[in-house]
Amino acid sequence: MSRYLGLRSLAMLYRFTWTVYAIADAVGPVLMCRAFDATGSYSAFFTKLALATFLIAALMLLMPATSRRPQSVGPRLLHQHRRPLGLAFTAW
């Protein structure tokens, strides 16, 4: 996600993503109950969900490739943030 919209917007994208997950978690069971009550089966609703999932996956495959390569954290940066083993538990 950060390759398309930048690292500065990554936190906002995470908030948006988890908000959508929470809404789907609340609305999903209600929709499933209504679909079962209307048709007597879950198969029609699951078929529509599967088709929507495949359509979204196909649209994601059509997204243009990014021109930037992902930035990797070098070993030098990893060692700068590591505490010595003896100091790791002094805050407790």
N, C-alpha and C. Protein backbone atom coordinates (compact mmCIF):
# COMPACT_ATOMS: atom_id res chain seq x y z
N MET A 1 0.82 -1.19 0.00
CA MET A 1 0.00 0.00 0.00
C MET A 1 0.86 1.25 0.00
N SER A 2 1.97 1.20 0.73
CA SER A 2 2.79 2.40 0.81
C SER A 2 3.49 2.70 -0.51
N ARG A 3 3.65 1.70 -1.37
CA ARG A 3 4.27 1.96 -2.67
C ARG A 3 3.39 2.84 -3.54
N TYR A 4 2.09 2.72 -3.41
CA TYR A 4 1.18 3.51 -4.24
C TYR A 4 0.87 4.87 -3.63
N LEU A 5 0.77 4.94 -2.32
CA LEU A 5 0.33 6.19 -1.70
C LEU A 5 1.37 6.84 -0.80
N GLY A 6 2.52 6.22 -0.61
CA GLY A 6 3.58 6.81 0.19
C GLY A 6 3.54 6.37 1.65
N LEU A 7 4.69 6.46 2.29
CA LEU A 7 4.80 6.05 3.68
C LEU A 7 4.06 6.98 4.63
N ARG A 8 3.92 8.24 4.26
CA ARG A 8 3.25 9.18 5.16
C ARG A 8 1.78 8.85 5.35
N SER A 9 1.17 8.26 4.35
CA SER A 9 -0.25 7.93 4.46
C SER A 9 -0.50 6.51 4.93
N LEU A 10 0.55 5.78 5.29
CA LEU A 10 0.39 4.38 5.68
C LEU A 10 -0.45 4.25 6.96
N ALA A 11 -0.25 5.12 7.93
CA ALA A 11 -1.04 5.05 9.17
C ALA A 11 -2.51 5.32 8.90
N MET A 12 -2.79 6.28 8.04
CA MET A 12 -4.18 6.57 7.69
C MET A 12 -4.80 5.37 6.97
N LEU A 13 -4.04 4.73 6.09
CA LEU A 13 -4.55 3.56 5.38
C LEU A 13 -4.82 2.41 6.34
N TYR A 14 -3.97 2.22 7.34
CA TYR A 14 -4.20 1.18 8.34
C TYR A 14 -5.48 1.46 9.14
N ARG A 15 -5.65 2.72 9.54
CA ARG A 15 -6.88 3.07 10.27
C ARG A 15 -8.11 2.80 9.42
N PHE A 16 -8.06 3.19 8.16
CA PHE A 16 -9.18 2.97 7.26
C PHE A 16 -9.45 1.48 7.09
N THR A 17 -8.39 0.70 6.89
CA THR A 17 -8.54 -0.73 6.69
C THR A 17 -9.19 -1.40 7.90
N TRP A 18 -8.72 -1.08 9.10
CA TRP A 18 -9.27 -1.70 10.30
C TRP A 18 -10.68 -1.20 10.60
N THR A 19 -11.00 0.02 10.19
CA THR A 19 -12.37 0.51 10.32
C THR A 19 -13.31 -0.29 9.42
N VAL A 20 -12.88 -0.54 8.20
CA VAL A 20 -13.69 -1.34 7.27
C VAL A 20 -13.86 -2.76 7.80
N TYR A 21 -12.79 -3.34 8.37
CA TYR A 21 -12.90 -4.67 8.97
C TYR A 21 -13.94 -4.69 10.09
N ALA A 22 -13.93 -3.67 10.94
CA ALA A 22 -14.87 -3.62 12.06
C ALA A 22 -16.30 -3.48 11.57
N ILE A 23 -16.50 -2.65 10.56
CA ILE A 23 -17.85 -2.48 10.01
C ILE A 23 -18.33 -3.78 9.36
N ALA A 24 -17.44 -4.43 8.61
CA ALA A 24 -17.81 -5.70 7.98
C ALA A 24 -18.09 -6.77 9.02
N ASP A 25 -17.36 -6.74 10.14
CA ASP A 25 -17.59 -7.70 11.21
C ASP A 25 -18.95 -7.49 11.87
N ALA A 26 -19.40 -6.25 11.91
CA ALA A 26 -20.70 -5.96 12.51
C ALA A 26 -21.85 -6.21 11.54
N VAL A 27 -21.65 -5.89 10.28
CA VAL A 27 -22.73 -5.96 9.30
C VAL A 27 -22.83 -7.36 8.67
N GLY A 28 -21.72 -8.09 8.58
CA GLY A 28 -21.70 -9.38 7.91
C GLY A 28 -22.70 -10.39 8.44
N PRO A 29 -22.74 -10.63 9.76
CA PRO A 29 -23.72 -11.60 10.27
C PRO A 29 -25.17 -11.20 10.02
N VAL A 30 -25.44 -9.92 10.06
CA VAL A 30 -26.81 -9.45 9.79
C VAL A 30 -27.18 -9.73 8.34
N LEU A 31 -26.26 -9.45 7.42
CA LEU A 31 -26.52 -9.73 6.01
C LEU A 31 -26.70 -11.23 5.76
N MET A 32 -25.89 -12.03 6.42
CA MET A 32 -26.01 -13.48 6.24
C MET A 32 -27.36 -13.99 6.75
N CYS A 33 -27.81 -13.47 7.89
CA CYS A 33 -29.11 -13.88 8.43
C CYS A 33 -30.25 -13.48 7.50
N ARG A 34 -30.16 -12.27 6.98
CA ARG A 34 -31.21 -11.81 6.06
C ARG A 34 -31.21 -12.61 4.76
N ALA A 35 -30.02 -12.95 4.28
CA ALA A 35 -29.94 -13.76 3.05
C ALA A 35 -30.52 -15.14 3.28
N PHE A 36 -30.24 -15.72 4.44
CA PHE A 36 -30.78 -17.05 4.73
C PHE A 36 -32.29 -16.99 4.91
N ASP A 37 -32.79 -15.95 5.59
CA ASP A 37 -34.23 -15.83 5.78
C ASP A 37 -34.96 -15.61 4.46
N ALA A 38 -34.32 -14.89 3.53
CA ALA A 38 -34.97 -14.60 2.26
C ALA A 38 -34.95 -15.78 1.32
N THR A 39 -33.86 -16.57 1.33
CA THR A 39 -33.73 -17.63 0.33
C THR A 39 -33.79 -19.04 0.93
N GLY A 40 -33.58 -19.17 2.23
CA GLY A 40 -33.55 -20.48 2.85
C GLY A 40 -32.23 -21.20 2.68
N SER A 41 -31.24 -20.50 2.14
CA SER A 41 -29.93 -21.10 1.89
C SER A 41 -28.87 -20.00 1.90
N TYR A 42 -27.65 -20.41 2.21
CA TYR A 42 -26.54 -19.47 2.16
C TYR A 42 -25.84 -19.47 0.80
N SER A 43 -26.15 -20.42 -0.04
CA SER A 43 -25.36 -20.62 -1.26
C SER A 43 -25.42 -19.43 -2.22
N ALA A 44 -26.56 -18.81 -2.39
CA ALA A 44 -26.66 -17.67 -3.31
C ALA A 44 -25.83 -16.50 -2.81
N PHE A 45 -25.88 -16.25 -1.51
CA PHE A 45 -25.13 -15.13 -0.96
C PHE A 45 -23.62 -15.40 -1.02
N PHE A 46 -23.21 -16.65 -0.71
CA PHE A 46 -21.80 -16.99 -0.79
C PHE A 46 -21.29 -16.93 -2.23
N THR A 47 -22.13 -17.29 -3.18
CA THR A 47 -21.74 -17.19 -4.59
C THR A 47 -21.51 -15.74 -4.98
N LYS A 48 -22.38 -14.85 -4.54
CA LYS A 48 -22.20 -13.42 -4.83
C LYS A 48 -20.94 -12.88 -4.15
N LEU A 49 -20.68 -13.31 -2.93
CA LEU A 49 -19.45 -12.87 -2.25
C LEU A 49 -18.21 -13.38 -2.96
N ALA A 50 -18.24 -14.62 -3.43
CA ALA A 50 -17.09 -15.18 -4.15
C ALA A 50 -16.86 -14.44 -5.45
N LEU A 51 -17.92 -14.14 -6.18
CA LEU A 51 -17.77 -13.38 -7.43
C LEU A 51 -17.23 -11.98 -7.18
N ALA A 52 -17.69 -11.33 -6.12
CA ALA A 52 -17.17 -10.01 -5.78
C ALA A 52 -15.70 -10.08 -5.41
N THR A 53 -15.30 -11.12 -4.70
CA THR A 53 -13.90 -11.29 -4.33
C THR A 53 -13.03 -11.49 -5.55
N PHE A 54 -13.46 -12.34 -6.48
CA PHE A 54 -12.69 -12.55 -7.70
C PHE A 54 -12.63 -11.30 -8.57
N LEU A 55 -13.71 -10.53 -8.61
CA LEU A 55 -13.72 -9.29 -9.38
C LEU A 55 -12.71 -8.29 -8.78
N ILE A 56 -12.71 -8.16 -7.48
CA ILE A 56 -11.77 -7.25 -6.83
C ILE A 56 -10.33 -7.71 -7.04
N ALA A 57 -10.09 -9.03 -6.97
CA ALA A 57 -8.74 -9.55 -7.21
C ALA A 57 -8.31 -9.26 -8.65
N ALA A 58 -9.21 -9.41 -9.60
CA ALA A 58 -8.87 -9.11 -11.00
C ALA A 58 -8.56 -7.63 -11.17
N LEU A 59 -9.32 -6.77 -10.51
CA LEU A 59 -9.03 -5.34 -10.59
C LEU A 59 -7.68 -5.00 -9.97
N MET A 60 -7.32 -5.70 -8.91
CA MET A 60 -6.01 -5.47 -8.29
C MET A 60 -4.87 -5.89 -9.22
N LEU A 61 -5.10 -6.93 -10.01
CA LEU A 61 -4.08 -7.34 -10.97
C LEU A 61 -3.89 -6.32 -12.08
N LEU A 62 -4.89 -5.50 -12.32
CA LEU A 62 -4.79 -4.48 -13.37
C LEU A 62 -4.13 -3.19 -12.88
N MET A 63 -3.80 -3.13 -11.60
CA MET A 63 -3.14 -1.93 -11.09
C MET A 63 -1.76 -1.79 -11.71
N PRO A 64 -1.34 -0.56 -12.00
CA PRO A 64 -0.03 -0.40 -12.62
C PRO A 64 1.09 -0.75 -11.65
N ALA A 65 2.20 -1.20 -12.21
CA ALA A 65 3.36 -1.53 -11.39
C ALA A 65 3.96 -0.24 -10.84
N THR A 66 4.53 -0.32 -9.67
CA THR A 66 5.17 0.85 -9.10
C THR A 66 6.57 0.99 -9.65
N SER A 67 7.01 2.19 -9.75
CA SER A 67 8.36 2.42 -10.28
C SER A 67 9.41 2.39 -9.18
N ARG A 68 8.99 2.55 -7.94
CA ARG A 68 9.94 2.56 -6.83
C ARG A 68 10.12 1.16 -6.28
N ARG A 69 11.32 0.86 -5.88
CA ARG A 69 11.60 -0.40 -5.21
C ARG A 69 11.38 -0.21 -3.73
N PRO A 70 10.96 -1.24 -3.02
CA PRO A 70 10.77 -1.09 -1.57
C PRO A 70 12.09 -0.84 -0.88
N GLN A 71 12.05 0.05 0.09
CA GLN A 71 13.26 0.34 0.85
C GLN A 71 13.45 -0.71 1.92
N SER A 72 14.64 -1.24 1.98
CA SER A 72 14.92 -2.24 3.00
C SER A 72 15.72 -1.60 4.12
N VAL A 73 15.55 -2.12 5.30
CA VAL A 73 16.30 -1.63 6.45
C VAL A 73 17.62 -2.38 6.47
N GLY A 74 18.69 -1.64 6.37
CA GLY A 74 20.02 -2.26 6.35
C GLY A 74 20.41 -2.76 7.72
N PRO A 75 21.41 -3.62 7.78
CA PRO A 75 21.84 -4.16 9.08
C PRO A 75 22.37 -3.08 10.01
N ARG A 76 22.90 -2.00 9.46
CA ARG A 76 23.43 -0.93 10.31
C ARG A 76 22.29 -0.27 11.09
N LEU A 77 21.14 -0.06 10.45
CA LEU A 77 20.01 0.56 11.14
C LEU A 77 19.41 -0.38 12.19
N LEU A 78 19.43 -1.66 11.91
CA LEU A 78 18.89 -2.61 12.89
C LEU A 78 19.73 -2.63 14.16
N HIS A 79 21.03 -2.52 14.03
CA HIS A 79 21.89 -2.59 15.21
C HIS A 79 21.86 -1.30 16.01
N GLN A 80 21.49 -0.19 15.42
CA GLN A 80 21.45 1.08 16.16
C GLN A 80 20.34 1.08 17.19
N HIS A 81 19.24 0.40 16.96
CA HIS A 81 18.10 0.43 17.86
C HIS A 81 18.09 -0.72 18.86
N ARG A 82 19.03 -1.61 18.76
CA ARG A 82 19.07 -2.76 19.64
C ARG A 82 19.76 -2.40 20.95
N ARG A 83 19.14 -2.72 22.08
CA ARG A 83 19.74 -2.47 23.39
C ARG A 83 20.68 -3.61 23.76
N PRO A 84 21.69 -3.32 24.55
CA PRO A 84 22.51 -4.41 25.06
C PRO A 84 21.67 -5.32 25.94
N LEU A 85 22.02 -6.60 26.01
CA LEU A 85 21.22 -7.58 26.71
C LEU A 85 21.10 -7.26 28.19
N GLY A 86 22.13 -6.72 28.80
CA GLY A 86 22.08 -6.42 30.23
C GLY A 86 21.13 -5.30 30.58
N LEU A 87 20.86 -4.39 29.64
CA LEU A 87 19.98 -3.25 29.90
C LEU A 87 18.53 -3.52 29.48
N ALA A 88 18.26 -4.64 28.91
CA ALA A 88 16.94 -4.90 28.38
C ALA A 88 15.87 -4.99 29.47
N PHE A 89 16.22 -5.44 30.67
CA PHE A 89 15.23 -5.65 31.71
C PHE A 89 15.35 -4.66 32.86
N THR A 90 16.10 -3.59 32.68
CA THR A 90 16.26 -2.62 33.77
C THR A 90 15.01 -1.78 33.97
N ALA A 91 14.18 -1.64 32.97
CA ALA A 91 12.97 -0.81 33.11
C ALA A 91 11.90 -1.51 33.94
N TRP A 92 12.00 -2.81 34.14
CA TRP A 92 10.99 -3.55 34.88
C TRP A 92 11.18 -3.27 36.32
